[in-house]
Amino acid sequence: MRKKLVLLHGIWLQLEHCMTAKPFTRKNVRVTLYTRPGCHLCDEAKEAMLAARCAEEYTLVEVNIESDSRLLHSYRNEIPVILINGTEAFRHRVATDDFRRQVAMAARSANDIPQR
């Protein structure tokens, strides 16, 4: 893992944890987790995501909301928030089966895009 500067929803962020082992491809879904240190619900969400046993289908980007005052203001009491390919999929709680289903749907959608 390494720190990385990315543009996310119009905000430049230095990510504390950035899983970059897999490139974003047609078979790979991007999952963004808004979190902060000491968030027990965020820890539970990560456990549910791991328990879904579909990690090979997505790239996880964890965003510490304390890294940007606008994110902190927007998500202070709302975390965890999980986006799948840029669309909010979960807030506060994540069910393992629902997460697996959402990732699978996103992967199928990505595979339906015609090649150029």
N, C-alpha and C. Protein backbone atom coordinates (compact mmCIF):
# COMPACT_ATOMS: atom_id res chain seq x y z
N MET A 1 0.84 -1.17 0.00
CA MET A 1 0.00 0.00 0.00
C MET A 1 0.89 1.24 0.00
N ARG A 2 0.36 2.30 -0.64
CA ARG A 2 1.12 3.53 -0.69
C ARG A 2 0.16 4.70 -0.72
N LYS A 3 0.68 5.88 -0.40
CA LYS A 3 -0.14 7.09 -0.47
C LYS A 3 -0.22 7.53 -1.92
N LYS A 4 -1.37 8.09 -2.28
CA LYS A 4 -1.59 8.46 -3.66
C LYS A 4 -2.48 9.69 -3.70
N LEU A 5 -2.22 10.59 -4.62
CA LEU A 5 -3.04 11.78 -4.81
C LEU A 5 -4.00 11.50 -5.95
N VAL A 6 -5.31 11.64 -5.68
CA VAL A 6 -6.32 11.38 -6.71
C VAL A 6 -7.38 12.46 -6.69
N LEU A 7 -8.04 12.62 -7.82
CA LEU A 7 -9.18 13.53 -7.93
C LEU A 7 -10.44 12.69 -7.78
N LEU A 8 -11.23 13.00 -6.77
CA LEU A 8 -12.44 12.23 -6.49
C LEU A 8 -13.58 13.20 -6.27
N HIS A 9 -14.57 13.16 -7.14
CA HIS A 9 -15.72 14.05 -7.06
C HIS A 9 -15.30 15.51 -6.97
N GLY A 10 -14.30 15.90 -7.79
CA GLY A 10 -13.85 17.27 -7.85
C GLY A 10 -12.95 17.71 -6.72
N ILE A 11 -12.51 16.79 -5.86
CA ILE A 11 -11.66 17.12 -4.72
C ILE A 11 -10.37 16.33 -4.82
N TRP A 12 -9.23 17.02 -4.75
CA TRP A 12 -7.94 16.32 -4.74
C TRP A 12 -7.69 15.79 -3.35
N LEU A 13 -7.42 14.50 -3.23
CA LEU A 13 -7.21 13.86 -1.94
C LEU A 13 -5.91 13.09 -1.93
N GLN A 14 -5.25 13.11 -0.79
CA GLN A 14 -4.11 12.21 -0.61
C GLN A 14 -4.66 11.03 0.17
N LEU A 15 -4.72 9.89 -0.48
CA LEU A 15 -5.29 8.70 0.13
C LEU A 15 -4.28 8.05 1.04
N GLU A 16 -4.71 7.69 2.22
CA GLU A 16 -3.83 7.01 3.15
C GLU A 16 -3.66 5.56 2.77
N HIS A 17 -4.71 4.95 2.30
CA HIS A 17 -4.67 3.55 1.91
C HIS A 17 -5.21 3.45 0.50
N CYS A 18 -4.39 3.00 -0.38
CA CYS A 18 -4.83 2.86 -1.76
C CYS A 18 -4.37 1.50 -2.26
N MET A 19 -5.32 0.63 -2.49
CA MET A 19 -5.01 -0.69 -3.01
C MET A 19 -4.82 -0.53 -4.52
N THR A 20 -3.61 -0.69 -5.00
CA THR A 20 -3.34 -0.48 -6.41
C THR A 20 -2.83 -1.74 -7.09
N ALA A 21 -3.06 -2.88 -6.50
CA ALA A 21 -2.53 -4.12 -7.05
C ALA A 21 -3.16 -4.45 -8.40
N LYS A 22 -4.44 -4.07 -8.59
CA LYS A 22 -5.11 -4.42 -9.83
C LYS A 22 -5.50 -3.15 -10.58
N PRO A 23 -5.28 -3.08 -11.87
CA PRO A 23 -5.72 -1.92 -12.64
C PRO A 23 -7.23 -1.94 -12.79
N PHE A 24 -7.83 -0.78 -13.01
CA PHE A 24 -9.26 -0.70 -13.25
C PHE A 24 -9.51 -1.19 -14.67
N THR A 25 -10.11 -2.35 -14.80
CA THR A 25 -10.34 -2.96 -16.10
C THR A 25 -11.82 -3.26 -16.27
N ARG A 26 -12.16 -3.79 -17.44
CA ARG A 26 -13.56 -4.14 -17.69
C ARG A 26 -14.06 -5.21 -16.72
N LYS A 27 -13.18 -6.03 -16.18
CA LYS A 27 -13.60 -7.07 -15.24
C LYS A 27 -13.42 -6.62 -13.80
N ASN A 28 -13.06 -5.38 -13.60
CA ASN A 28 -12.74 -4.92 -12.27
C ASN A 28 -13.60 -3.72 -11.92
N VAL A 29 -14.18 -3.74 -10.76
CA VAL A 29 -15.07 -2.70 -10.27
C VAL A 29 -14.31 -1.84 -9.26
N ARG A 30 -14.58 -0.55 -9.25
CA ARG A 30 -13.93 0.35 -8.29
C ARG A 30 -14.89 0.57 -7.12
N VAL A 31 -14.44 0.19 -5.91
CA VAL A 31 -15.21 0.39 -4.68
C VAL A 31 -14.49 1.45 -3.86
N THR A 32 -15.20 2.50 -3.50
CA THR A 32 -14.65 3.58 -2.68
C THR A 32 -15.33 3.54 -1.33
N LEU A 33 -14.51 3.51 -0.29
CA LEU A 33 -15.02 3.48 1.09
C LEU A 33 -14.63 4.78 1.78
N TYR A 34 -15.62 5.61 2.12
CA TYR A 34 -15.36 6.80 2.94
C TYR A 34 -15.33 6.35 4.39
N THR A 35 -14.26 6.68 5.07
CA THR A 35 -14.02 6.17 6.42
C THR A 35 -13.26 7.21 7.22
N ARG A 36 -12.92 6.89 8.45
CA ARG A 36 -12.04 7.70 9.30
C ARG A 36 -11.50 6.81 10.40
N PRO A 37 -10.37 7.18 10.97
CA PRO A 37 -9.79 6.37 12.05
C PRO A 37 -10.75 6.21 13.22
N GLY A 38 -10.80 5.01 13.77
CA GLY A 38 -11.63 4.74 14.95
C GLY A 38 -13.09 4.50 14.66
N CYS A 39 -13.46 4.38 13.41
CA CYS A 39 -14.87 4.17 13.04
C CYS A 39 -15.19 2.68 13.11
N HIS A 40 -15.92 2.27 14.15
CA HIS A 40 -16.23 0.85 14.30
C HIS A 40 -17.19 0.35 13.22
N LEU A 41 -18.11 1.20 12.75
CA LEU A 41 -19.00 0.78 11.66
C LEU A 41 -18.22 0.58 10.36
N CYS A 42 -17.17 1.39 10.18
CA CYS A 42 -16.31 1.23 8.99
C CYS A 42 -15.57 -0.10 9.05
N ASP A 43 -15.10 -0.46 10.25
CA ASP A 43 -14.43 -1.76 10.42
C ASP A 43 -15.40 -2.90 10.12
N GLU A 44 -16.64 -2.76 10.59
CA GLU A 44 -17.66 -3.79 10.31
C GLU A 44 -17.95 -3.86 8.81
N ALA A 45 -17.99 -2.71 8.15
CA ALA A 45 -18.24 -2.70 6.70
C ALA A 45 -17.12 -3.42 5.96
N LYS A 46 -15.88 -3.15 6.34
CA LYS A 46 -14.74 -3.83 5.70
C LYS A 46 -14.80 -5.33 5.92
N GLU A 47 -15.19 -5.75 7.12
CA GLU A 47 -15.33 -7.19 7.40
C GLU A 47 -16.41 -7.80 6.52
N ALA A 48 -17.53 -7.10 6.35
CA ALA A 48 -18.61 -7.61 5.50
C ALA A 48 -18.16 -7.70 4.05
N MET A 49 -17.38 -6.71 3.61
CA MET A 49 -16.87 -6.73 2.24
C MET A 49 -15.93 -7.91 2.03
N LEU A 50 -15.07 -8.18 2.99
CA LEU A 50 -14.16 -9.33 2.89
C LEU A 50 -14.93 -10.64 2.93
N ALA A 51 -15.95 -10.69 3.79
CA ALA A 51 -16.75 -11.91 3.92
C ALA A 51 -17.54 -12.21 2.65
N ALA A 52 -17.74 -11.21 1.81
CA ALA A 52 -18.47 -11.42 0.55
C ALA A 52 -17.66 -12.27 -0.43
N ARG A 53 -16.36 -12.42 -0.18
CA ARG A 53 -15.49 -13.27 -0.99
C ARG A 53 -15.54 -12.94 -2.48
N CYS A 54 -15.48 -11.64 -2.76
CA CYS A 54 -15.46 -11.22 -4.16
C CYS A 54 -14.38 -10.16 -4.39
N ALA A 55 -13.35 -10.14 -3.56
CA ALA A 55 -12.30 -9.13 -3.63
C ALA A 55 -11.58 -9.11 -4.98
N GLU A 56 -11.56 -10.24 -5.68
CA GLU A 56 -10.90 -10.29 -6.99
C GLU A 56 -11.69 -9.52 -8.04
N GLU A 57 -12.91 -9.14 -7.71
CA GLU A 57 -13.78 -8.43 -8.66
C GLU A 57 -13.67 -6.91 -8.56
N TYR A 58 -13.00 -6.39 -7.52
CA TYR A 58 -12.97 -4.93 -7.35
C TYR A 58 -11.63 -4.44 -6.82
N THR A 59 -11.41 -3.15 -7.05
CA THR A 59 -10.29 -2.43 -6.47
C THR A 59 -10.86 -1.54 -5.37
N LEU A 60 -10.30 -1.63 -4.18
CA LEU A 60 -10.79 -0.85 -3.04
C LEU A 60 -9.93 0.39 -2.85
N VAL A 61 -10.60 1.53 -2.74
CA VAL A 61 -9.94 2.79 -2.40
C VAL A 61 -10.59 3.29 -1.12
N GLU A 62 -9.79 3.39 -0.06
CA GLU A 62 -10.28 3.92 1.21
C GLU A 62 -9.94 5.40 1.29
N VAL A 63 -10.93 6.22 1.60
CA VAL A 63 -10.75 7.65 1.69
C VAL A 63 -11.03 8.08 3.13
N ASN A 64 -10.02 8.63 3.79
CA ASN A 64 -10.17 9.15 5.14
C ASN A 64 -10.83 10.52 5.01
N ILE A 65 -12.05 10.65 5.51
CA ILE A 65 -12.78 11.91 5.37
C ILE A 65 -12.11 13.06 6.12
N GLU A 66 -11.22 12.74 7.06
CA GLU A 66 -10.52 13.79 7.79
C GLU A 66 -9.43 14.43 6.94
N SER A 67 -9.16 13.89 5.75
CA SER A 67 -8.13 14.43 4.88
C SER A 67 -8.59 15.68 4.13
N ASP A 68 -9.89 15.96 4.17
CA ASP A 68 -10.42 17.13 3.46
C ASP A 68 -11.60 17.69 4.25
N SER A 69 -11.58 18.98 4.53
CA SER A 69 -12.63 19.58 5.36
C SER A 69 -14.02 19.44 4.73
N ARG A 70 -14.10 19.48 3.39
CA ARG A 70 -15.42 19.32 2.74
C ARG A 70 -15.97 17.92 2.93
N LEU A 71 -15.10 16.92 2.81
CA LEU A 71 -15.54 15.54 3.04
C LEU A 71 -15.95 15.35 4.50
N LEU A 72 -15.17 15.91 5.40
CA LEU A 72 -15.50 15.79 6.83
C LEU A 72 -16.85 16.43 7.11
N HIS A 73 -17.10 17.59 6.53
CA HIS A 73 -18.38 18.26 6.73
C HIS A 73 -19.53 17.43 6.14
N SER A 74 -19.31 16.86 4.95
CA SER A 74 -20.36 16.10 4.27
C SER A 74 -20.67 14.76 4.92
N TYR A 75 -19.60 14.08 5.42
CA TYR A 75 -19.77 12.69 5.85
C TYR A 75 -19.51 12.45 7.34
N ARG A 76 -19.32 13.50 8.12
CA ARG A 76 -18.95 13.36 9.53
C ARG A 76 -19.76 12.28 10.26
N ASN A 77 -21.07 12.32 10.15
CA ASN A 77 -21.94 11.38 10.86
C ASN A 77 -22.56 10.35 9.94
N GLU A 78 -22.05 10.22 8.74
CA GLU A 78 -22.67 9.35 7.74
C GLU A 78 -21.85 8.11 7.40
N ILE A 79 -20.63 8.00 7.88
CA ILE A 79 -19.76 6.91 7.48
C ILE A 79 -20.11 5.62 8.20
N PRO A 80 -19.80 4.50 7.58
CA PRO A 80 -19.17 4.38 6.28
C PRO A 80 -20.14 4.65 5.14
N VAL A 81 -19.60 5.19 4.07
CA VAL A 81 -20.32 5.34 2.81
C VAL A 81 -19.51 4.58 1.77
N ILE A 82 -20.17 3.74 1.01
CA ILE A 82 -19.50 2.94 0.00
C ILE A 82 -20.08 3.26 -1.37
N LEU A 83 -19.17 3.63 -2.28
CA LEU A 83 -19.54 3.87 -3.66
C LEU A 83 -19.06 2.69 -4.50
N ILE A 84 -19.85 2.29 -5.46
CA ILE A 84 -19.43 1.27 -6.41
C ILE A 84 -19.47 1.93 -7.78
N ASN A 85 -18.29 2.02 -8.39
CA ASN A 85 -18.12 2.72 -9.66
C ASN A 85 -18.71 4.13 -9.61
N GLY A 86 -18.50 4.82 -8.48
CA GLY A 86 -18.90 6.21 -8.35
C GLY A 86 -20.32 6.46 -7.89
N THR A 87 -21.09 5.41 -7.71
CA THR A 87 -22.49 5.55 -7.28
C THR A 87 -22.63 5.03 -5.85
N GLU A 88 -23.28 5.83 -5.01
CA GLU A 88 -23.45 5.38 -3.62
C GLU A 88 -24.28 4.10 -3.58
N ALA A 89 -23.73 3.09 -2.90
CA ALA A 89 -24.40 1.80 -2.79
C ALA A 89 -24.81 1.50 -1.35
N PHE A 90 -24.02 1.97 -0.39
CA PHE A 90 -24.30 1.68 1.02
C PHE A 90 -23.94 2.88 1.88
N ARG A 91 -24.67 3.01 2.98
CA ARG A 91 -24.40 4.04 3.98
C ARG A 91 -24.67 3.42 5.35
N HIS A 92 -23.75 3.58 6.25
CA HIS A 92 -23.80 3.10 7.63
C HIS A 92 -23.57 1.60 7.78
N ARG A 93 -24.33 0.77 7.10
CA ARG A 93 -24.21 -0.68 7.24
C ARG A 93 -24.12 -1.36 5.88
N VAL A 94 -23.42 -2.49 5.86
CA VAL A 94 -23.26 -3.26 4.63
C VAL A 94 -23.59 -4.71 4.92
N ALA A 95 -24.50 -5.26 4.15
CA ALA A 95 -24.82 -6.69 4.26
C ALA A 95 -23.95 -7.43 3.24
N THR A 96 -23.33 -8.51 3.67
CA THR A 96 -22.41 -9.27 2.83
C THR A 96 -23.05 -9.68 1.51
N ASP A 97 -24.22 -10.27 1.55
CA ASP A 97 -24.88 -10.72 0.32
C ASP A 97 -25.22 -9.57 -0.60
N ASP A 98 -25.68 -8.45 -0.03
CA ASP A 98 -26.01 -7.28 -0.84
C ASP A 98 -24.77 -6.71 -1.50
N PHE A 99 -23.65 -6.68 -0.76
CA PHE A 99 -22.41 -6.17 -1.33
C PHE A 99 -21.96 -7.05 -2.50
N ARG A 100 -21.96 -8.36 -2.30
CA ARG A 100 -21.57 -9.29 -3.37
C ARG A 100 -22.45 -9.09 -4.60
N ARG A 101 -23.74 -8.95 -4.39
CA ARG A 101 -24.69 -8.77 -5.49
C ARG A 101 -24.43 -7.45 -6.24
N GLN A 102 -24.18 -6.38 -5.49
CA GLN A 102 -23.92 -5.07 -6.11
C GLN A 102 -22.63 -5.10 -6.94
N VAL A 103 -21.58 -5.73 -6.40
CA VAL A 103 -20.31 -5.83 -7.13
C VAL A 103 -20.51 -6.67 -8.40
N ALA A 104 -21.23 -7.77 -8.28
CA ALA A 104 -21.48 -8.62 -9.45
C ALA A 104 -22.26 -7.87 -10.53
N MET A 105 -23.25 -7.08 -10.12
CA MET A 105 -24.03 -6.30 -11.09
C MET A 105 -23.15 -5.26 -11.77
N ALA A 106 -22.28 -4.61 -10.99
CA ALA A 106 -21.37 -3.61 -11.56
C ALA A 106 -20.39 -4.25 -12.52
N ALA A 107 -19.90 -5.44 -12.18
CA ALA A 107 -18.97 -6.15 -13.07
C ALA A 107 -19.66 -6.54 -14.37
N ARG A 108 -20.89 -7.02 -14.26
CA ARG A 108 -21.66 -7.38 -15.47
C ARG A 108 -21.89 -6.15 -16.34
N SER A 109 -22.23 -5.03 -15.72
CA SER A 109 -22.46 -3.78 -16.47
C SER A 109 -21.19 -3.35 -17.18
N ALA A 110 -20.05 -3.46 -16.51
CA ALA A 110 -18.77 -3.09 -17.11
C ALA A 110 -18.46 -3.98 -18.30
N ASN A 111 -18.82 -5.25 -18.20
CA ASN A 111 -18.56 -6.19 -19.29
C ASN A 111 -19.50 -5.99 -20.47
N ASP A 112 -20.63 -5.29 -20.26
CA ASP A 112 -21.57 -5.04 -21.35
C ASP A 112 -21.16 -3.87 -22.23
N ILE A 113 -20.15 -3.12 -21.80
CA ILE A 113 -19.69 -1.97 -22.58
C ILE A 113 -18.99 -2.47 -23.84
N PRO A 114 -19.41 -2.04 -25.01
CA PRO A 114 -18.78 -2.53 -26.24
C PRO A 114 -17.35 -2.03 -26.35
N GLN A 115 -16.46 -2.87 -26.88
CA GLN A 115 -15.07 -2.48 -27.09
C GLN A 115 -14.96 -1.63 -28.34
N ARG A 116 -13.99 -0.70 -28.32
CA ARG A 116 -13.74 0.14 -29.50
C ARG A 116 -12.47 -0.26 -30.14
